[in-house]
Amino acid sequence: MTIEIKKPVTKEKVQQAMDELAKTSGKKGLRNHFGKLKRGIDGLEYQKQVRNDWV
């Protein structure tokens, strides 16, 4: 989906476009995708394991 915002772009115009998108799609926006993952895995150990698989 494409959102077109006319110039000059302001914070209010962006918020209005996001609100309209949320109304049409039934979703609350990108806020649900921010934050930490709740996996219960130590981040450093996970990185070591993943990087070790490439070698």
PDB file of N, CA and C in Angstrom:
ATOM      1  N   MET A   1       0.844  -1.167   0.000  1.00  0.00           N
ATOM      2  CA  MET A   1       0.000   0.000   0.000  1.00  0.00           C
ATOM      3  C   MET A   1       0.893   1.235   0.000  1.00  0.00           C
ATOM      4  N   THR A   2       0.482   2.247  -0.716  1.00  0.00           N
ATOM      5  CA  THR A   2       1.261   3.470  -0.819  1.00  0.00           C
ATOM      6  C   THR A   2       0.515   4.606  -0.142  1.00  0.00           C
ATOM      7  N   ILE A   3       1.241   5.375   0.643  1.00  0.00           N
ATOM      8  CA  ILE A   3       0.683   6.556   1.287  1.00  0.00           C
ATOM      9  C   ILE A   3       1.347   7.764   0.646  1.00  0.00           C
ATOM     10  N   GLU A   4       0.550   8.683   0.148  1.00  0.00           N
ATOM     11  CA  GLU A   4       1.088   9.887  -0.471  1.00  0.00           C
ATOM     12  C   GLU A   4       0.795  11.071   0.441  1.00  0.00           C
ATOM     13  N   ILE A   5       1.849  11.788   0.808  1.00  0.00           N
ATOM     14  CA  ILE A   5       1.717  12.963   1.664  1.00  0.00           C
ATOM     15  C   ILE A   5       2.228  14.153   0.876  1.00  0.00           C
ATOM     16  N   LYS A   6       1.387  15.151   0.716  1.00  0.00           N
ATOM     17  CA  LYS A   6       1.758  16.329  -0.060  1.00  0.00           C
ATOM     18  C   LYS A   6       2.724  17.203   0.731  1.00  0.00           C
ATOM     19  N   LYS A   7       3.589  17.937  -0.001  1.00  0.00           N
ATOM     20  CA  LYS A   7       4.550  18.830   0.621  1.00  0.00           C
ATOM     21  C   LYS A   7       3.847  20.076   1.111  1.00  0.00           C
ATOM     22  N   PRO A   8       4.249  20.713   2.135  1.00  0.00           N
ATOM     23  CA  PRO A   8       5.332  20.374   3.051  1.00  0.00           C
ATOM     24  C   PRO A   8       4.889  19.279   4.015  1.00  0.00           C
ATOM     25  N   VAL A   9       5.793  18.369   4.292  1.00  0.00           N
ATOM     26  CA  VAL A   9       5.512  17.243   5.165  1.00  0.00           C
ATOM     27  C   VAL A   9       5.668  17.698   6.615  1.00  0.00           C
ATOM     28  N   THR A  10       4.621  17.483   7.383  1.00  0.00           N
ATOM     29  CA  THR A  10       4.665  17.822   8.809  1.00  0.00           C
ATOM     30  C   THR A  10       4.328  16.576   9.612  1.00  0.00           C
ATOM     31  N   LYS A  11       4.623  16.664  10.876  1.00  0.00           N
ATOM     32  CA  LYS A  11       4.342  15.537  11.775  1.00  0.00           C
ATOM     33  C   LYS A  11       2.837  15.255  11.819  1.00  0.00           C
ATOM     34  N   GLU A  12       2.042  16.298  11.778  1.00  0.00           N
ATOM     35  CA  GLU A  12       0.589  16.134  11.833  1.00  0.00           C
ATOM     36  C   GLU A  12       0.066  15.420  10.578  1.00  0.00           C
ATOM     37  N   LYS A  13       0.618  15.760   9.415  1.00  0.00           N
ATOM     38  CA  LYS A  13       0.189  15.111   8.177  1.00  0.00           C
ATOM     39  C   LYS A  13       0.565  13.630   8.174  1.00  0.00           C
ATOM     40  N   VAL A  14       1.730  13.327   8.681  1.00  0.00           N
ATOM     41  CA  VAL A  14       2.164  11.929   8.749  1.00  0.00           C
ATOM     42  C   VAL A  14       1.263  11.154   9.706  1.00  0.00           C
ATOM     43  N   GLN A  15       0.968  11.748  10.869  1.00  0.00           N
ATOM     44  CA  GLN A  15       0.101  11.087  11.843  1.00  0.00           C
ATOM     45  C   GLN A  15      -1.293  10.879  11.261  1.00  0.00           C
ATOM     46  N   GLN A  16      -1.811  11.876  10.544  1.00  0.00           N
ATOM     47  CA  GLN A  16      -3.124  11.765   9.929  1.00  0.00           C
ATOM     48  C   GLN A  16      -3.138  10.637   8.895  1.00  0.00           C
ATOM     49  N   ALA A  17      -2.084  10.542   8.087  1.00  0.00           N
ATOM     50  CA  ALA A  17      -2.003   9.479   7.084  1.00  0.00           C
ATOM     51  C   ALA A  17      -1.938   8.115   7.752  1.00  0.00           C
ATOM     52  N   MET A  18      -1.182   7.998   8.834  1.00  0.00           N
ATOM     53  CA  MET A  18      -1.093   6.720   9.553  1.00  0.00           C
ATOM     54  C   MET A  18      -2.438   6.353  10.179  1.00  0.00           C
ATOM     55  N   ASP A  19      -3.156   7.348  10.707  1.00  0.00           N
ATOM     56  CA  ASP A  19      -4.478   7.084  11.287  1.00  0.00           C
ATOM     57  C   ASP A  19      -5.458   6.599  10.224  1.00  0.00           C
ATOM     58  N   GLU A  20      -5.425   7.219   9.053  1.00  0.00           N
ATOM     59  CA  GLU A  20      -6.298   6.797   7.971  1.00  0.00           C
ATOM     60  C   GLU A  20      -5.962   5.381   7.514  1.00  0.00           C
ATOM     61  N   LEU A  21      -4.684   5.077   7.458  1.00  0.00           N
ATOM     62  CA  LEU A  21      -4.260   3.732   7.075  1.00  0.00           C
ATOM     63  C   LEU A  21      -4.735   2.706   8.097  1.00  0.00           C
ATOM     64  N   ALA A  22      -4.641   3.045   9.369  1.00  0.00           N
ATOM     65  CA  ALA A  22      -5.068   2.127  10.423  1.00  0.00           C
ATOM     66  C   ALA A  22      -6.569   1.860  10.334  1.00  0.00           C
ATOM     67  N   LYS A  23      -7.324   2.876   9.987  1.00  0.00           N
ATOM     68  CA  LYS A  23      -8.778   2.710   9.874  1.00  0.00           C
ATOM     69  C   LYS A  23      -9.134   1.777   8.720  1.00  0.00           C
ATOM     70  N   THR A  24      -8.418   1.908   7.609  1.00  0.00           N
ATOM     71  CA  THR A  24      -8.764   1.106   6.431  1.00  0.00           C
ATOM     72  C   THR A  24      -8.236  -0.320   6.525  1.00  0.00           C
ATOM     73  N   SER A  25      -7.083  -0.494   7.165  1.00  0.00           N
ATOM     74  CA  SER A  25      -6.500  -1.832   7.196  1.00  0.00           C
ATOM     75  C   SER A  25      -6.896  -2.628   8.437  1.00  0.00           C
ATOM     76  N   GLY A  26      -7.417  -1.949   9.445  1.00  0.00           N
ATOM     77  CA  GLY A  26      -7.811  -2.639  10.660  1.00  0.00           C
ATOM     78  C   GLY A  26      -6.642  -2.940  11.577  1.00  0.00           C
ATOM     79  N   LYS A  27      -5.450  -2.432  11.252  1.00  0.00           N
ATOM     80  CA  LYS A  27      -4.279  -2.641  12.086  1.00  0.00           C
ATOM     81  C   LYS A  27      -3.905  -1.339  12.775  1.00  0.00           C
ATOM     82  N   LYS A  28      -3.098  -1.430  13.815  1.00  0.00           N
ATOM     83  CA  LYS A  28      -2.756  -0.253  14.600  1.00  0.00           C
ATOM     84  C   LYS A  28      -1.474   0.422  14.154  1.00  0.00           C
ATOM     85  N   GLY A  29      -0.841  -0.028  13.091  1.00  0.00           N
ATOM     86  CA  GLY A  29       0.353   0.626  12.591  1.00  0.00           C
ATOM     87  C   GLY A  29       1.610  -0.147  12.911  1.00  0.00           C
ATOM     88  N   LEU A  30       2.730   0.541  12.857  1.00  0.00           N
ATOM     89  CA  LEU A  30       4.020  -0.101  13.052  1.00  0.00           C
ATOM     90  C   LEU A  30       4.420  -0.238  14.512  1.00  0.00           C
ATOM     91  N   ARG A  31       3.700   0.385  15.408  1.00  0.00           N
ATOM     92  CA  ARG A  31       4.068   0.368  16.820  1.00  0.00           C
ATOM     93  C   ARG A  31       4.167  -1.060  17.370  1.00  0.00           C
ATOM     94  N   ASN A  32       3.425  -1.981  16.807  1.00  0.00           N
ATOM     95  CA  ASN A  32       3.462  -3.367  17.278  1.00  0.00           C
ATOM     96  C   ASN A  32       4.777  -4.060  16.956  1.00  0.00           C
ATOM     97  N   HIS A  33       5.558  -3.510  16.043  1.00  0.00           N
ATOM     98  CA  HIS A  33       6.781  -4.154  15.599  1.00  0.00           C
ATOM     99  C   HIS A  33       8.034  -3.611  16.275  1.00  0.00           C
ATOM    100  N   PHE A  34       7.895  -2.633  17.171  1.00  0.00           N
ATOM    101  CA  PHE A  34       9.042  -2.060  17.855  1.00  0.00           C
ATOM    102  C   PHE A  34       9.235  -2.731  19.205  1.00  0.00           C
ATOM    103  N   GLY A  35      10.487  -2.788  19.667  1.00  0.00           N
ATOM    104  CA  GLY A  35      10.753  -3.311  20.991  1.00  0.00           C
ATOM    105  C   GLY A  35      11.652  -4.531  20.962  1.00  0.00           C
ATOM    106  N   LYS A  36      11.675  -5.215  22.064  1.00  0.00           N
ATOM    107  CA  LYS A  36      12.532  -6.382  22.221  1.00  0.00           C
ATOM    108  C   LYS A  36      11.753  -7.655  21.933  1.00  0.00           C
ATOM    109  N   LEU A  37      12.458  -8.643  21.446  1.00  0.00           N
ATOM    110  CA  LEU A  37      11.858  -9.954  21.248  1.00  0.00           C
ATOM    111  C   LEU A  37      11.840 -10.690  22.572  1.00  0.00           C
ATOM    112  N   LYS A  38      10.780 -11.389  22.844  1.00  0.00           N
ATOM    113  CA  LYS A  38      10.654 -12.139  24.083  1.00  0.00           C
ATOM    114  C   LYS A  38      10.885 -13.609  23.776  1.00  0.00           C
ATOM    115  N   ARG A  39      12.180 -13.995  23.757  1.00  0.00           N
ATOM    116  CA  ARG A  39      12.509 -15.374  23.407  1.00  0.00           C
ATOM    117  C   ARG A  39      13.148 -16.124  24.556  1.00  0.00           C
ATOM    118  N   GLY A  40      13.662 -15.421  25.543  1.00  0.00           N
ATOM    119  CA  GLY A  40      14.323 -16.089  26.649  1.00  0.00           C
ATOM    120  C   GLY A  40      15.685 -16.631  26.280  1.00  0.00           C
ATOM    121  N   ILE A  41      16.324 -16.066  25.257  1.00  0.00           N
ATOM    122  CA  ILE A  41      17.636 -16.515  24.795  1.00  0.00           C
ATOM    123  C   ILE A  41      18.644 -15.413  25.076  1.00  0.00           C
ATOM    124  N   ASP A  42      19.831 -15.793  25.535  1.00  0.00           N
ATOM    125  CA  ASP A  42      20.896 -14.824  25.733  1.00  0.00           C
ATOM    126  C   ASP A  42      21.360 -14.331  24.370  1.00  0.00           C
ATOM    127  N   GLY A  43      21.349 -13.008  24.154  1.00  0.00           N
ATOM    128  CA  GLY A  43      21.666 -12.431  22.859  1.00  0.00           C
ATOM    129  C   GLY A  43      23.062 -12.743  22.383  1.00  0.00           C
ATOM    130  N   LEU A  44      24.038 -12.667  23.289  1.00  0.00           N
ATOM    131  CA  LEU A  44      25.430 -12.908  22.908  1.00  0.00           C
ATOM    132  C   LEU A  44      25.642 -14.364  22.509  1.00  0.00           C
ATOM    133  N   GLU A  45      25.097 -15.274  23.271  1.00  0.00           N
ATOM    134  CA  GLU A  45      25.223 -16.699  22.940  1.00  0.00           C
ATOM    135  C   GLU A  45      24.540 -17.013  21.605  1.00  0.00           C
ATOM    136  N   TYR A  46      23.409 -16.380  21.357  1.00  0.00           N
ATOM    137  CA  TYR A  46      22.707 -16.585  20.090  1.00  0.00           C
ATOM    138  C   TYR A  46      23.560 -16.103  18.919  1.00  0.00           C
ATOM    139  N   GLN A  47      24.167 -14.916  19.055  1.00  0.00           N
ATOM    140  CA  GLN A  47      25.020 -14.394  17.989  1.00  0.00           C
ATOM    141  C   GLN A  47      26.217 -15.304  17.729  1.00  0.00           C
ATOM    142  N   LYS A  48      26.835 -15.806  18.783  1.00  0.00           N
ATOM    143  CA  LYS A  48      27.980 -16.701  18.622  1.00  0.00           C
ATOM    144  C   LYS A  48      27.556 -17.976  17.893  1.00  0.00           C
ATOM    145  N   GLN A  49      26.396 -18.503  18.265  1.00  0.00           N
ATOM    146  CA  GLN A  49      25.910 -19.724  17.644  1.00  0.00           C
ATOM    147  C   GLN A  49      25.612 -19.494  16.155  1.00  0.00           C
ATOM    148  N   VAL A  50      24.944 -18.414  15.833  1.00  0.00           N
ATOM    149  CA  VAL A  50      24.568 -18.140  14.451  1.00  0.00           C
ATOM    150  C   VAL A  50      25.792 -17.883  13.609  1.00  0.00           C
ATOM    151  N   ARG A  51      26.748 -17.110  14.112  1.00  0.00           N
ATOM    152  CA  ARG A  51      27.946 -16.786  13.363  1.00  0.00           C
ATOM    153  C   ARG A  51      28.841 -18.005  13.207  1.00  0.00           C
ATOM    154  N   ASN A  52      28.800 -18.916  14.143  1.00  0.00           N
ATOM    155  CA  ASN A  52      29.610 -20.125  14.073  1.00  0.00           C
ATOM    156  C   ASN A  52      29.095 -21.050  12.964  1.00  0.00           C
ATOM    157  N   ASP A  53      27.803 -20.977  12.654  1.00  0.00           N
ATOM    158  CA  ASP A  53      27.237 -21.811  11.608  1.00  0.00           C
ATOM    159  C   ASP A  53      27.772 -21.434  10.228  1.00  0.00           C
ATOM    160  N   TRP A  54      28.219 -20.201  10.046  1.00  0.00           N
ATOM    161  CA  TRP A  54      28.714 -19.747   8.752  1.00  0.00           C
ATOM    162  C   TRP A  54      30.126 -20.229   8.470  1.00  0.00           C
ATOM    163  N   VAL A  55      30.846 -20.575   9.505  1.00  0.00           N
ATOM    164  CA  VAL A  55      32.258 -20.957   9.314  1.00  0.00           C
ATOM    165  C   VAL A  55      32.356 -22.413   8.962  1.00  0.00           C
TER     166      VAL A  55
END
